Amino acid sequence: HLQDAPKDSPLGTHSAVKAEEEEPSPRPPDELLRRCRAGSTSAGSRPLPNAPLVMSRARYKVGDNVENHLGVIGVVNNDTHQGMPEEDVMADVQWRTCAVVGSAGLLLQREMGRWIDSHDAVFRFNSAHTLGVQRYVGARTTLRLVNRENFGWRELEEEATLQHCTTETLLKEYAMRRKAKPSERFYAMDPSFYKRVADGGENSHPTNGYFGTRMALELCDCVYLYGFVRNWYGYMTYHYHDDYVPKPS
């Protein structure tokens, strides 16, 4: 099964920040993880094999509307079209096991780094770094999903970054970034993915973590979540990597 994308793949190989000290061995994988790696799960093929995840020239032409679950957000111009990869770089990707790593402060409560890194692919979000905390959050990054506040953010050049482009301005910024750095593994998520995630709800605004989890469910046989909490009560940091505090709702 697919462990790492080939070196000449648009996804490249996994990037990893080198740990400064040896980490303790993690607890053994549970039975589901062993079965999944052995190929004895009921999975084995993508549930939506033809569903696009990344905007590409094969799907979009100059002048096409770009439309997500909230409506038309822009039009494909020449620069945007030239910045897209020829094909969806995720079209042939499938992993056995994936770790979707959130940003909750509780990640610093347990040393799960090696267990996270043992998965075939590791998803991270926004500016969640690994340097200095590899013991807790792991060192490897396969895909990073970033929102508008963290446009184009990456920890290492080798990372593949999937950018939310939800406005015409972001589409233009994406085109400029691709023109300036054409070899960078920086891609725009296909708006049709938003429709699949939001189920067409006009007032639906899924979180970045939810988008990443849904993407993992399309790309991976077994998905493990780390660093997600249902409620936050303030007795630990909201994010493990910064001092952000959410505004009261």
C-alpha atoms as a PDB file:
ATOM      1  CA  HIS A   1       0.000   0.000   0.000  1.00  0.00           C
ATOM      2  CA  LEU A   2       0.992   3.643  -0.373  1.00  0.00           C
ATOM      3  CA  GLN A   3       3.428   4.694   2.344  1.00  0.00           C
ATOM      4  CA  ASP A   4       5.059   7.797   0.852  1.00  0.00           C
ATOM      5  CA  ALA A   5       4.326   9.594  -2.378  1.00  0.00           C
ATOM      6  CA  PRO A   6       7.152   9.136  -4.913  1.00  0.00           C
ATOM      7  CA  LYS A   7       9.824  11.821  -4.891  1.00  0.00           C
ATOM      8  CA  ASP A   8       8.607  13.163  -8.228  1.00  0.00           C
ATOM      9  CA  SER A   9       4.993  13.299  -7.026  1.00  0.00           C
ATOM     10  CA  PRO A  10       3.383  16.715  -6.447  1.00  0.00           C
ATOM     11  CA  LEU A  11       2.872  15.562  -2.863  1.00  0.00           C
ATOM     12  CA  GLY A  12       6.554  14.739  -2.447  1.00  0.00           C
ATOM     13  CA  THR A  13       7.700  12.793   0.588  1.00  0.00           C
ATOM     14  CA  HIS A  14       6.671  13.394   4.172  1.00  0.00           C
ATOM     15  CA  SER A  15       8.440  16.343   5.756  1.00  0.00           C
ATOM     16  CA  ALA A  16       9.636  15.978   9.308  1.00  0.00           C
ATOM     17  CA  VAL A  17      11.298  18.183  11.886  1.00  0.00           C
ATOM     18  CA  LYS A  18      14.180  16.353  13.522  1.00  0.00           C
ATOM     19  CA  ALA A  19      13.668  15.694  17.208  1.00  0.00           C
ATOM     20  CA  GLU A  20      16.439  16.930  19.482  1.00  0.00           C
ATOM     21  CA  GLU A  21      16.166  14.033  21.918  1.00  0.00           C
ATOM     22  CA  GLU A  22      15.049  10.427  21.838  1.00  0.00           C
ATOM     23  CA  GLU A  23      11.373   9.812  22.507  1.00  0.00           C
ATOM     24  CA  PRO A  24      10.008   6.896  24.522  1.00  0.00           C
ATOM     25  CA  SER A  25       8.309   4.070  22.678  1.00  0.00           C
ATOM     26  CA  PRO A  26       4.565   4.579  22.273  1.00  0.00           C
ATOM     27  CA  ARG A  27       1.970   2.115  23.414  1.00  0.00           C
ATOM     28  CA  PRO A  28       1.351  -0.653  20.859  1.00  0.00           C
ATOM     29  CA  PRO A  29      -1.228  -0.003  18.135  1.00  0.00           C
ATOM     30  CA  ASP A  30      -4.619  -1.441  18.921  1.00  0.00           C
ATOM     31  CA  GLU A  31      -6.277  -4.284  17.039  1.00  0.00           C
ATOM     32  CA  LEU A  32      -7.973  -2.000  14.508  1.00  0.00           C
ATOM     33  CA  LEU A  33      -4.663  -0.423  13.516  1.00  0.00           C
ATOM     34  CA  ARG A  34      -3.024  -3.840  13.164  1.00  0.00           C
ATOM     35  CA  ARG A  35      -5.921  -5.114  11.064  1.00  0.00           C
ATOM     36  CA  CYS A  36      -5.875  -1.994   8.925  1.00  0.00           C
ATOM     37  CA  ARG A  37      -2.155  -2.288   8.211  1.00  0.00           C
ATOM     38  CA  ALA A  38      -2.622  -5.959   7.405  1.00  0.00           C
ATOM     39  CA  GLY A  39      -5.284  -5.058   4.872  1.00  0.00           C
ATOM     40  CA  SER A  40      -8.031  -6.963   6.676  1.00  0.00           C
ATOM     41  CA  THR A  41     -10.445  -4.066   6.962  1.00  0.00           C
ATOM     42  CA  SER A  42     -13.484  -3.751   4.743  1.00  0.00           C
ATOM     43  CA  ALA A  43     -11.926  -0.669   3.150  1.00  0.00           C
ATOM     44  CA  GLY A  44      -9.407  -0.657   0.336  1.00  0.00           C
ATOM     45  CA  SER A  45     -10.788   1.733  -2.249  1.00  0.00           C
ATOM     46  CA  ARG A  46     -11.741   5.388  -2.075  1.00  0.00           C
ATOM     47  CA  PRO A  47     -15.441   5.834  -1.304  1.00  0.00           C
ATOM     48  CA  LEU A  48     -15.709   8.664  -3.857  1.00  0.00           C
ATOM     49  CA  PRO A  49     -13.015   7.779  -6.418  1.00  0.00           C
ATOM     50  CA  ASN A  50     -13.928  10.495  -8.922  1.00  0.00           C
ATOM     51  CA  ALA A  51     -14.620  13.288  -6.443  1.00  0.00           C
ATOM     52  CA  PRO A  52     -12.066  16.121  -6.880  1.00  0.00           C
ATOM     53  CA  LEU A  53     -10.125  17.479  -3.929  1.00  0.00           C
ATOM     54  CA  VAL A  54      -7.740  19.947  -5.616  1.00  0.00           C
ATOM     55  CA  MET A  55      -8.521  22.532  -8.293  1.00  0.00           C
ATOM     56  CA  SER A  56      -6.887  21.572 -11.601  1.00  0.00           C
ATOM     57  CA  ARG A  57      -6.786  22.638 -15.239  1.00  0.00           C
ATOM     58  CA  ALA A  58      -8.408  19.341 -16.175  1.00  0.00           C
ATOM     59  CA  ARG A  59     -11.555  20.426 -14.329  1.00  0.00           C
ATOM     60  CA  TYR A  60     -11.583  24.218 -14.728  1.00  0.00           C
ATOM     61  CA  LYS A  61     -11.283  26.374 -17.832  1.00  0.00           C
ATOM     62  CA  VAL A  62     -10.676  30.112 -18.137  1.00  0.00           C
ATOM     63  CA  GLY A  63     -13.981  31.888 -17.564  1.00  0.00           C
ATOM     64  CA  ASP A  64     -15.536  29.137 -15.430  1.00  0.00           C
ATOM     65  CA  ASN A  65     -17.348  30.147 -12.271  1.00  0.00           C
ATOM     66  CA  VAL A  66     -15.837  28.935  -9.017  1.00  0.00           C
ATOM     67  CA  GLU A  67     -18.734  27.910  -6.803  1.00  0.00           C
ATOM     68  CA  ASN A  68     -18.862  26.392  -3.341  1.00  0.00           C
ATOM     69  CA  HIS A  69     -21.790  25.594  -1.030  1.00  0.00           C
ATOM     70  CA  LEU A  70     -22.451  29.306  -0.442  1.00  0.00           C
ATOM     71  CA  GLY A  71     -22.518  30.330  -4.098  1.00  0.00           C
ATOM     72  CA  VAL A  72     -20.186  31.742  -6.748  1.00  0.00           C
ATOM     73  CA  ILE A  73     -16.985  33.087  -5.198  1.00  0.00           C
ATOM     74  CA  GLY A  74     -15.135  34.100  -8.352  1.00  0.00           C
ATOM     75  CA  VAL A  75     -14.190  33.369 -11.942  1.00  0.00           C
ATOM     76  CA  VAL A  76     -11.156  31.482 -13.219  1.00  0.00           C
ATOM     77  CA  ASN A  77      -8.864  33.971 -14.975  1.00  0.00           C
ATOM     78  CA  ASN A  78      -5.669  33.251 -16.906  1.00  0.00           C
ATOM     79  CA  ASP A  79      -3.397  33.591 -13.877  1.00  0.00           C
ATOM     80  CA  THR A  80      -5.543  31.318 -11.721  1.00  0.00           C
ATOM     81  CA  HIS A  81      -5.771  28.740 -14.486  1.00  0.00           C
ATOM     82  CA  GLN A  82      -2.018  28.745 -15.109  1.00  0.00           C
ATOM     83  CA  GLY A  83      -1.379  28.326 -11.389  1.00  0.00           C
ATOM     84  CA  MET A  84      -3.412  25.136 -11.149  1.00  0.00           C
ATOM     85  CA  PRO A  85      -1.778  21.733 -11.577  1.00  0.00           C
ATOM     86  CA  GLU A  86      -2.705  19.924 -14.777  1.00  0.00           C
ATOM     87  CA  GLU A  87      -4.493  17.165 -12.857  1.00  0.00           C
ATOM     88  CA  ASP A  88      -5.848  16.758  -9.333  1.00  0.00           C
ATOM     89  CA  VAL A  89      -2.694  15.792  -7.439  1.00  0.00           C
ATOM     90  CA  MET A  90      -4.821  13.862  -4.923  1.00  0.00           C
ATOM     91  CA  ALA A  91      -6.651  11.788  -7.520  1.00  0.00           C
ATOM     92  CA  ASP A  92      -4.589   8.626  -7.084  1.00  0.00           C
ATOM     93  CA  VAL A  93      -3.703   9.009  -3.421  1.00  0.00           C
ATOM     94  CA  GLN A  94      -4.853   6.464  -0.856  1.00  0.00           C
ATOM     95  CA  TRP A  95      -3.373   5.540   2.495  1.00  0.00           C
ATOM     96  CA  ARG A  96      -4.051   2.723   4.925  1.00  0.00           C
ATOM     97  CA  THR A  97      -3.773   4.671   8.181  1.00  0.00           C
ATOM     98  CA  CYS A  98      -3.893   8.428   8.750  1.00  0.00           C
ATOM     99  CA  ALA A  99      -3.379  10.639  11.779  1.00  0.00           C
ATOM    100  CA  VAL A 100      -5.417  13.847  11.765  1.00  0.00           C
ATOM    101  CA  VAL A 101      -3.693  16.058  14.327  1.00  0.00           C
ATOM    102  CA  GLY A 102      -5.698  18.920  15.791  1.00  0.00           C
ATOM    103  CA  SER A 103      -4.242  21.820  17.741  1.00  0.00           C
ATOM    104  CA  ALA A 104      -5.752  21.408  21.210  1.00  0.00           C
ATOM    105  CA  GLY A 105      -3.573  22.107  24.222  1.00  0.00           C
ATOM    106  CA  LEU A 106      -4.312  18.653  25.586  1.00  0.00           C
ATOM    107  CA  LEU A 107      -1.778  17.269  23.085  1.00  0.00           C
ATOM    108  CA  LEU A 108       0.941  18.369  25.510  1.00  0.00           C
ATOM    109  CA  GLN A 109      -0.490  16.101  28.209  1.00  0.00           C
ATOM    110  CA  ARG A 110       0.653  12.841  26.591  1.00  0.00           C
ATOM    111  CA  GLU A 111       3.713  11.821  24.619  1.00  0.00           C
ATOM    112  CA  MET A 112       2.003  10.569  21.464  1.00  0.00           C
ATOM    113  CA  GLY A 113       4.600  11.711  18.940  1.00  0.00           C
ATOM    114  CA  ARG A 114       5.896   8.352  17.800  1.00  0.00           C
ATOM    115  CA  TRP A 115       2.432   6.896  17.573  1.00  0.00           C
ATOM    116  CA  ILE A 116       1.328   9.803  15.388  1.00  0.00           C
ATOM    117  CA  ASP A 117       4.409   9.429  13.195  1.00  0.00           C
ATOM    118  CA  SER A 118       3.764   5.686  12.777  1.00  0.00           C
ATOM    119  CA  HIS A 119       0.784   6.373  10.498  1.00  0.00           C
ATOM    120  CA  ASP A 120       1.124   6.323   6.728  1.00  0.00           C
ATOM    121  CA  ALA A 121       0.021   9.972   6.474  1.00  0.00           C
ATOM    122  CA  VAL A 122      -0.189  12.847   8.952  1.00  0.00           C
ATOM    123  CA  PHE A 123      -2.616  15.759   8.497  1.00  0.00           C
ATOM    124  CA  ARG A 124      -2.040  19.080  10.301  1.00  0.00           C
ATOM    125  CA  PHE A 125      -3.721  22.474  10.286  1.00  0.00           C
ATOM    126  CA  ASN A 126      -2.819  26.152   9.960  1.00  0.00           C
ATOM    127  CA  SER A 127       0.292  27.184  11.900  1.00  0.00           C
ATOM    128  CA  ALA A 128       0.450  24.127  14.170  1.00  0.00           C
ATOM    129  CA  HIS A 129       4.195  23.493  14.296  1.00  0.00           C
ATOM    130  CA  THR A 130       6.108  20.465  15.525  1.00  0.00           C
ATOM    131  CA  LEU A 131       9.515  21.961  16.360  1.00  0.00           C
ATOM    132  CA  GLY A 132      10.297  21.492  20.040  1.00  0.00           C
ATOM    133  CA  VAL A 133       7.210  19.396  20.762  1.00  0.00           C
ATOM    134  CA  GLN A 134       7.842  16.346  18.568  1.00  0.00           C
ATOM    135  CA  ARG A 135       7.604  14.115  21.631  1.00  0.00           C
ATOM    136  CA  TYR A 136       3.943  15.093  21.978  1.00  0.00           C
ATOM    137  CA  VAL A 137       2.691  15.876  18.472  1.00  0.00           C
ATOM    138  CA  GLY A 138       5.084  13.989  16.196  1.00  0.00           C
ATOM    139  CA  ALA A 139       7.528  15.307  13.609  1.00  0.00           C
ATOM    140  CA  ARG A 140       6.039  14.273  10.279  1.00  0.00           C
ATOM    141  CA  THR A 141       3.623  16.234   8.099  1.00  0.00           C
ATOM    142  CA  THR A 142       2.082  14.905   4.909  1.00  0.00           C
ATOM    143  CA  LEU A 143      -0.709  17.422   4.288  1.00  0.00           C
ATOM    144  CA  ARG A 144      -1.423  20.767   5.910  1.00  0.00           C
ATOM    145  CA  LEU A 145      -4.807  22.467   5.484  1.00  0.00           C
ATOM    146  CA  VAL A 146      -4.674  26.235   5.985  1.00  0.00           C
ATOM    147  CA  ASN A 147      -7.358  28.903   6.228  1.00  0.00           C
ATOM    148  CA  ARG A 148      -7.247  32.535   5.115  1.00  0.00           C
ATOM    149  CA  GLU A 149      -5.599  33.744   8.339  1.00  0.00           C
ATOM    150  CA  ASN A 150      -2.720  31.348   7.733  1.00  0.00           C
ATOM    151  CA  PHE A 151      -2.514  31.736   3.961  1.00  0.00           C
ATOM    152  CA  GLY A 152       0.247  29.560   2.523  1.00  0.00           C
ATOM    153  CA  TRP A 153       1.741  28.772   5.943  1.00  0.00           C
ATOM    154  CA  ARG A 154       4.118  25.834   6.139  1.00  0.00           C
ATOM    155  CA  GLU A 155       6.732  24.624   8.578  1.00  0.00           C
ATOM    156  CA  LEU A 156       9.001  23.069   5.955  1.00  0.00           C
ATOM    157  CA  GLU A 157       9.276  23.617   2.220  1.00  0.00           C
ATOM    158  CA  GLU A 158       8.650  19.930   1.562  1.00  0.00           C
ATOM    159  CA  GLU A 159       5.134  20.027   2.997  1.00  0.00           C
ATOM    160  CA  ALA A 160       2.095  19.840   0.747  1.00  0.00           C
ATOM    161  CA  THR A 161      -0.247  22.692   1.658  1.00  0.00           C
ATOM    162  CA  LEU A 162      -3.940  22.721   0.775  1.00  0.00           C
ATOM    163  CA  GLN A 163      -5.341  26.239   0.843  1.00  0.00           C
ATOM    164  CA  HIS A 164      -8.947  27.202   1.511  1.00  0.00           C
ATOM    165  CA  CYS A 165      -9.845  29.655  -1.289  1.00  0.00           C
ATOM    166  CA  THR A 166     -13.298  30.861  -0.314  1.00  0.00           C
ATOM    167  CA  THR A 167     -13.256  34.364  -1.820  1.00  0.00           C
ATOM    168  CA  GLU A 168     -12.211  35.964  -5.098  1.00  0.00           C
ATOM    169  CA  THR A 169      -9.394  37.738  -3.256  1.00  0.00           C
ATOM    170  CA  LEU A 170      -7.995  34.418  -2.033  1.00  0.00           C
ATOM    171  CA  LEU A 171      -8.179  33.006  -5.553  1.00  0.00           C
ATOM    172  CA  LYS A 172      -6.104  35.957  -6.791  1.00  0.00           C
ATOM    173  CA  GLU A 173      -3.599  35.538  -3.951  1.00  0.00           C
ATOM    174  CA  TYR A 174      -3.366  31.838  -4.750  1.00  0.00           C
ATOM    175  CA  ALA A 175      -2.613  32.640  -8.409  1.00  0.00           C
ATOM    176  CA  MET A 176       0.075  35.157  -7.406  1.00  0.00           C
ATOM    177  CA  ARG A 177       1.697  32.679  -5.028  1.00  0.00           C
ATOM    178  CA  ARG A 178       1.730  29.922  -7.647  1.00  0.00           C
ATOM    179  CA  LYS A 179       3.210  32.293 -10.233  1.00  0.00           C
ATOM    180  CA  ALA A 180       5.962  33.358  -7.838  1.00  0.00           C
ATOM    181  CA  LYS A 181       6.707  29.819  -6.610  1.00  0.00           C
ATOM    182  CA  PRO A 182       5.582  27.379  -9.325  1.00  0.00           C
ATOM    183  CA  SER A 183       7.462  24.416  -7.845  1.00  0.00           C
ATOM    184  CA  GLU A 184       5.942  24.819  -4.393  1.00  0.00           C
ATOM    185  CA  ARG A 185       3.546  22.081  -3.258  1.00  0.00           C
ATOM    186  CA  PHE A 186       0.764  24.598  -2.693  1.00  0.00           C
ATOM    187  CA  TYR A 187      -2.722  23.797  -3.967  1.00  0.00           C
ATOM    188  CA  ALA A 188      -6.266  25.147  -3.747  1.00  0.00           C
ATOM    189  CA  MET A 189      -8.988  22.868  -2.432  1.00  0.00           C
ATOM    190  CA  ASP A 190     -11.695  22.218  -4.998  1.00  0.00           C
ATOM    191  CA  PRO A 191     -14.967  24.022  -4.130  1.00  0.00           C
ATOM    192  CA  SER A 192     -16.925  20.841  -4.830  1.00  0.00           C
ATOM    193  CA  PHE A 193     -15.274  19.400  -1.715  1.00  0.00           C
ATOM    194  CA  TYR A 194     -16.968  22.144   0.306  1.00  0.00           C
ATOM    195  CA  LYS A 195     -20.307  21.061  -1.096  1.00  0.00           C
ATOM    196  CA  ARG A 196     -19.697  17.472  -0.060  1.00  0.00           C
ATOM    197  CA  VAL A 197     -18.677  18.512   3.438  1.00  0.00           C
ATOM    198  CA  ALA A 198     -21.381  21.114   4.050  1.00  0.00           C
ATOM    199  CA  ASP A 199     -24.155  19.125   2.345  1.00  0.00           C
ATOM    200  CA  GLY A 200     -25.412  22.294   0.703  1.00  0.00           C
ATOM    201  CA  GLY A 201     -26.396  24.043   3.933  1.00  0.00           C
ATOM    202  CA  GLU A 202     -26.441  27.800   3.295  1.00  0.00           C
ATOM    203  CA  ASN A 203     -25.479  28.614   6.882  1.00  0.00           C
ATOM    204  CA  SER A 204     -23.053  25.756   7.300  1.00  0.00           C
ATOM    205  CA  HIS A 205     -19.497  26.794   8.207  1.00  0.00           C
ATOM    206  CA  PRO A 206     -17.507  23.651   9.032  1.00  0.00           C
ATOM    207  CA  THR A 207     -14.218  24.113  10.859  1.00  0.00           C
ATOM    208  CA  ASN A 208     -10.855  23.509   9.252  1.00  0.00           C
ATOM    209  CA  GLY A 209     -10.451  20.444  11.447  1.00  0.00           C
ATOM    210  CA  TYR A 210     -13.734  19.056  10.196  1.00  0.00           C
ATOM    211  CA  PHE A 211     -12.667  19.618   6.587  1.00  0.00           C
ATOM    212  CA  GLY A 212      -9.434  17.753   7.269  1.00  0.00           C
ATOM    213  CA  THR A 213     -11.213  14.870   8.939  1.00  0.00           C
ATOM    214  CA  ARG A 214     -13.634  14.519   6.041  1.00  0.00           C
ATOM    215  CA  MET A 215     -10.765  14.623   3.568  1.00  0.00           C
ATOM    216  CA  ALA A 216      -8.962  11.906   5.517  1.00  0.00           C
ATOM    217  CA  LEU A 217     -12.096   9.760   5.407  1.00  0.00           C
ATOM    218  CA  GLU A 218     -11.983  10.006   1.612  1.00  0.00           C
ATOM    219  CA  LEU A 219      -8.266   9.237   1.367  1.00  0.00           C
ATOM    220  CA  CYS A 220      -7.592   6.771   4.183  1.00  0.00           C
ATOM    221  CA  ASP A 221      -8.846   3.344   5.194  1.00  0.00           C
ATOM    222  CA  CYS A 222      -8.430   4.068   8.914  1.00  0.00           C
ATOM    223  CA  VAL A 223      -8.476   7.554  10.437  1.00  0.00           C
ATOM    224  CA  TYR A 224      -7.214   8.400  13.928  1.00  0.00           C
ATOM    225  CA  LEU A 225      -7.874  11.790  15.544  1.00  0.00           C
ATOM    226  CA  TYR A 226      -5.447  13.453  17.948  1.00  0.00           C
ATOM    227  CA  GLY A 227      -5.766  16.802  19.683  1.00  0.00           C
ATOM    228  CA  PHE A 228      -9.490  17.427  19.263  1.00  0.00           C
ATOM    229  CA  VAL A 229     -11.824  18.380  22.117  1.00  0.00           C
ATOM    230  CA  ARG A 230     -15.577  18.745  22.198  1.00  0.00           C
ATOM    231  CA  ASN A 231     -15.602  21.601  24.698  1.00  0.00           C
ATOM    232  CA  TRP A 232     -12.921  23.922  26.035  1.00  0.00           C
ATOM    233  CA  TYR A 233     -13.133  25.214  29.602  1.00  0.00           C
ATOM    234  CA  GLY A 234      -9.929  27.224  29.885  1.00  0.00           C
ATOM    235  CA  TYR A 235      -7.996  24.971  32.270  1.00  0.00           C
ATOM    236  CA  MET A 236      -5.405  24.359  29.534  1.00  0.00           C
ATOM    237  CA  THR A 237      -4.309  26.290  26.473  1.00  0.00           C
ATOM    238  CA  TYR A 238      -6.759  26.316  23.567  1.00  0.00           C
ATOM    239  CA  HIS A 239      -3.954  25.649  21.068  1.00  0.00           C
ATOM    240  CA  TYR A 240      -0.758  23.847  22.012  1.00  0.00           C
ATOM    241  CA  HIS A 241       1.321  26.123  19.757  1.00  0.00           C
ATOM    242  CA  ASP A 242       0.119  29.660  20.564  1.00  0.00           C
ATOM    243  CA  ASP A 243      -1.738  31.766  23.146  1.00  0.00           C
ATOM    244  CA  TYR A 244      -4.971  32.144  21.158  1.00  0.00           C
ATOM    245  CA  VAL A 245      -8.132  32.405  23.253  1.00  0.00           C
ATOM    246  CA  PRO A 246     -11.518  32.147  21.488  1.00  0.00           C
ATOM    247  CA  LYS A 247     -14.027  34.928  21.938  1.00  0.00           C
ATOM    248  CA  PRO A 248     -17.123  34.066  24.009  1.00  0.00           C
ATOM    249  CA  SER A 249     -19.995  33.010  21.760  1.00  0.00           C
END
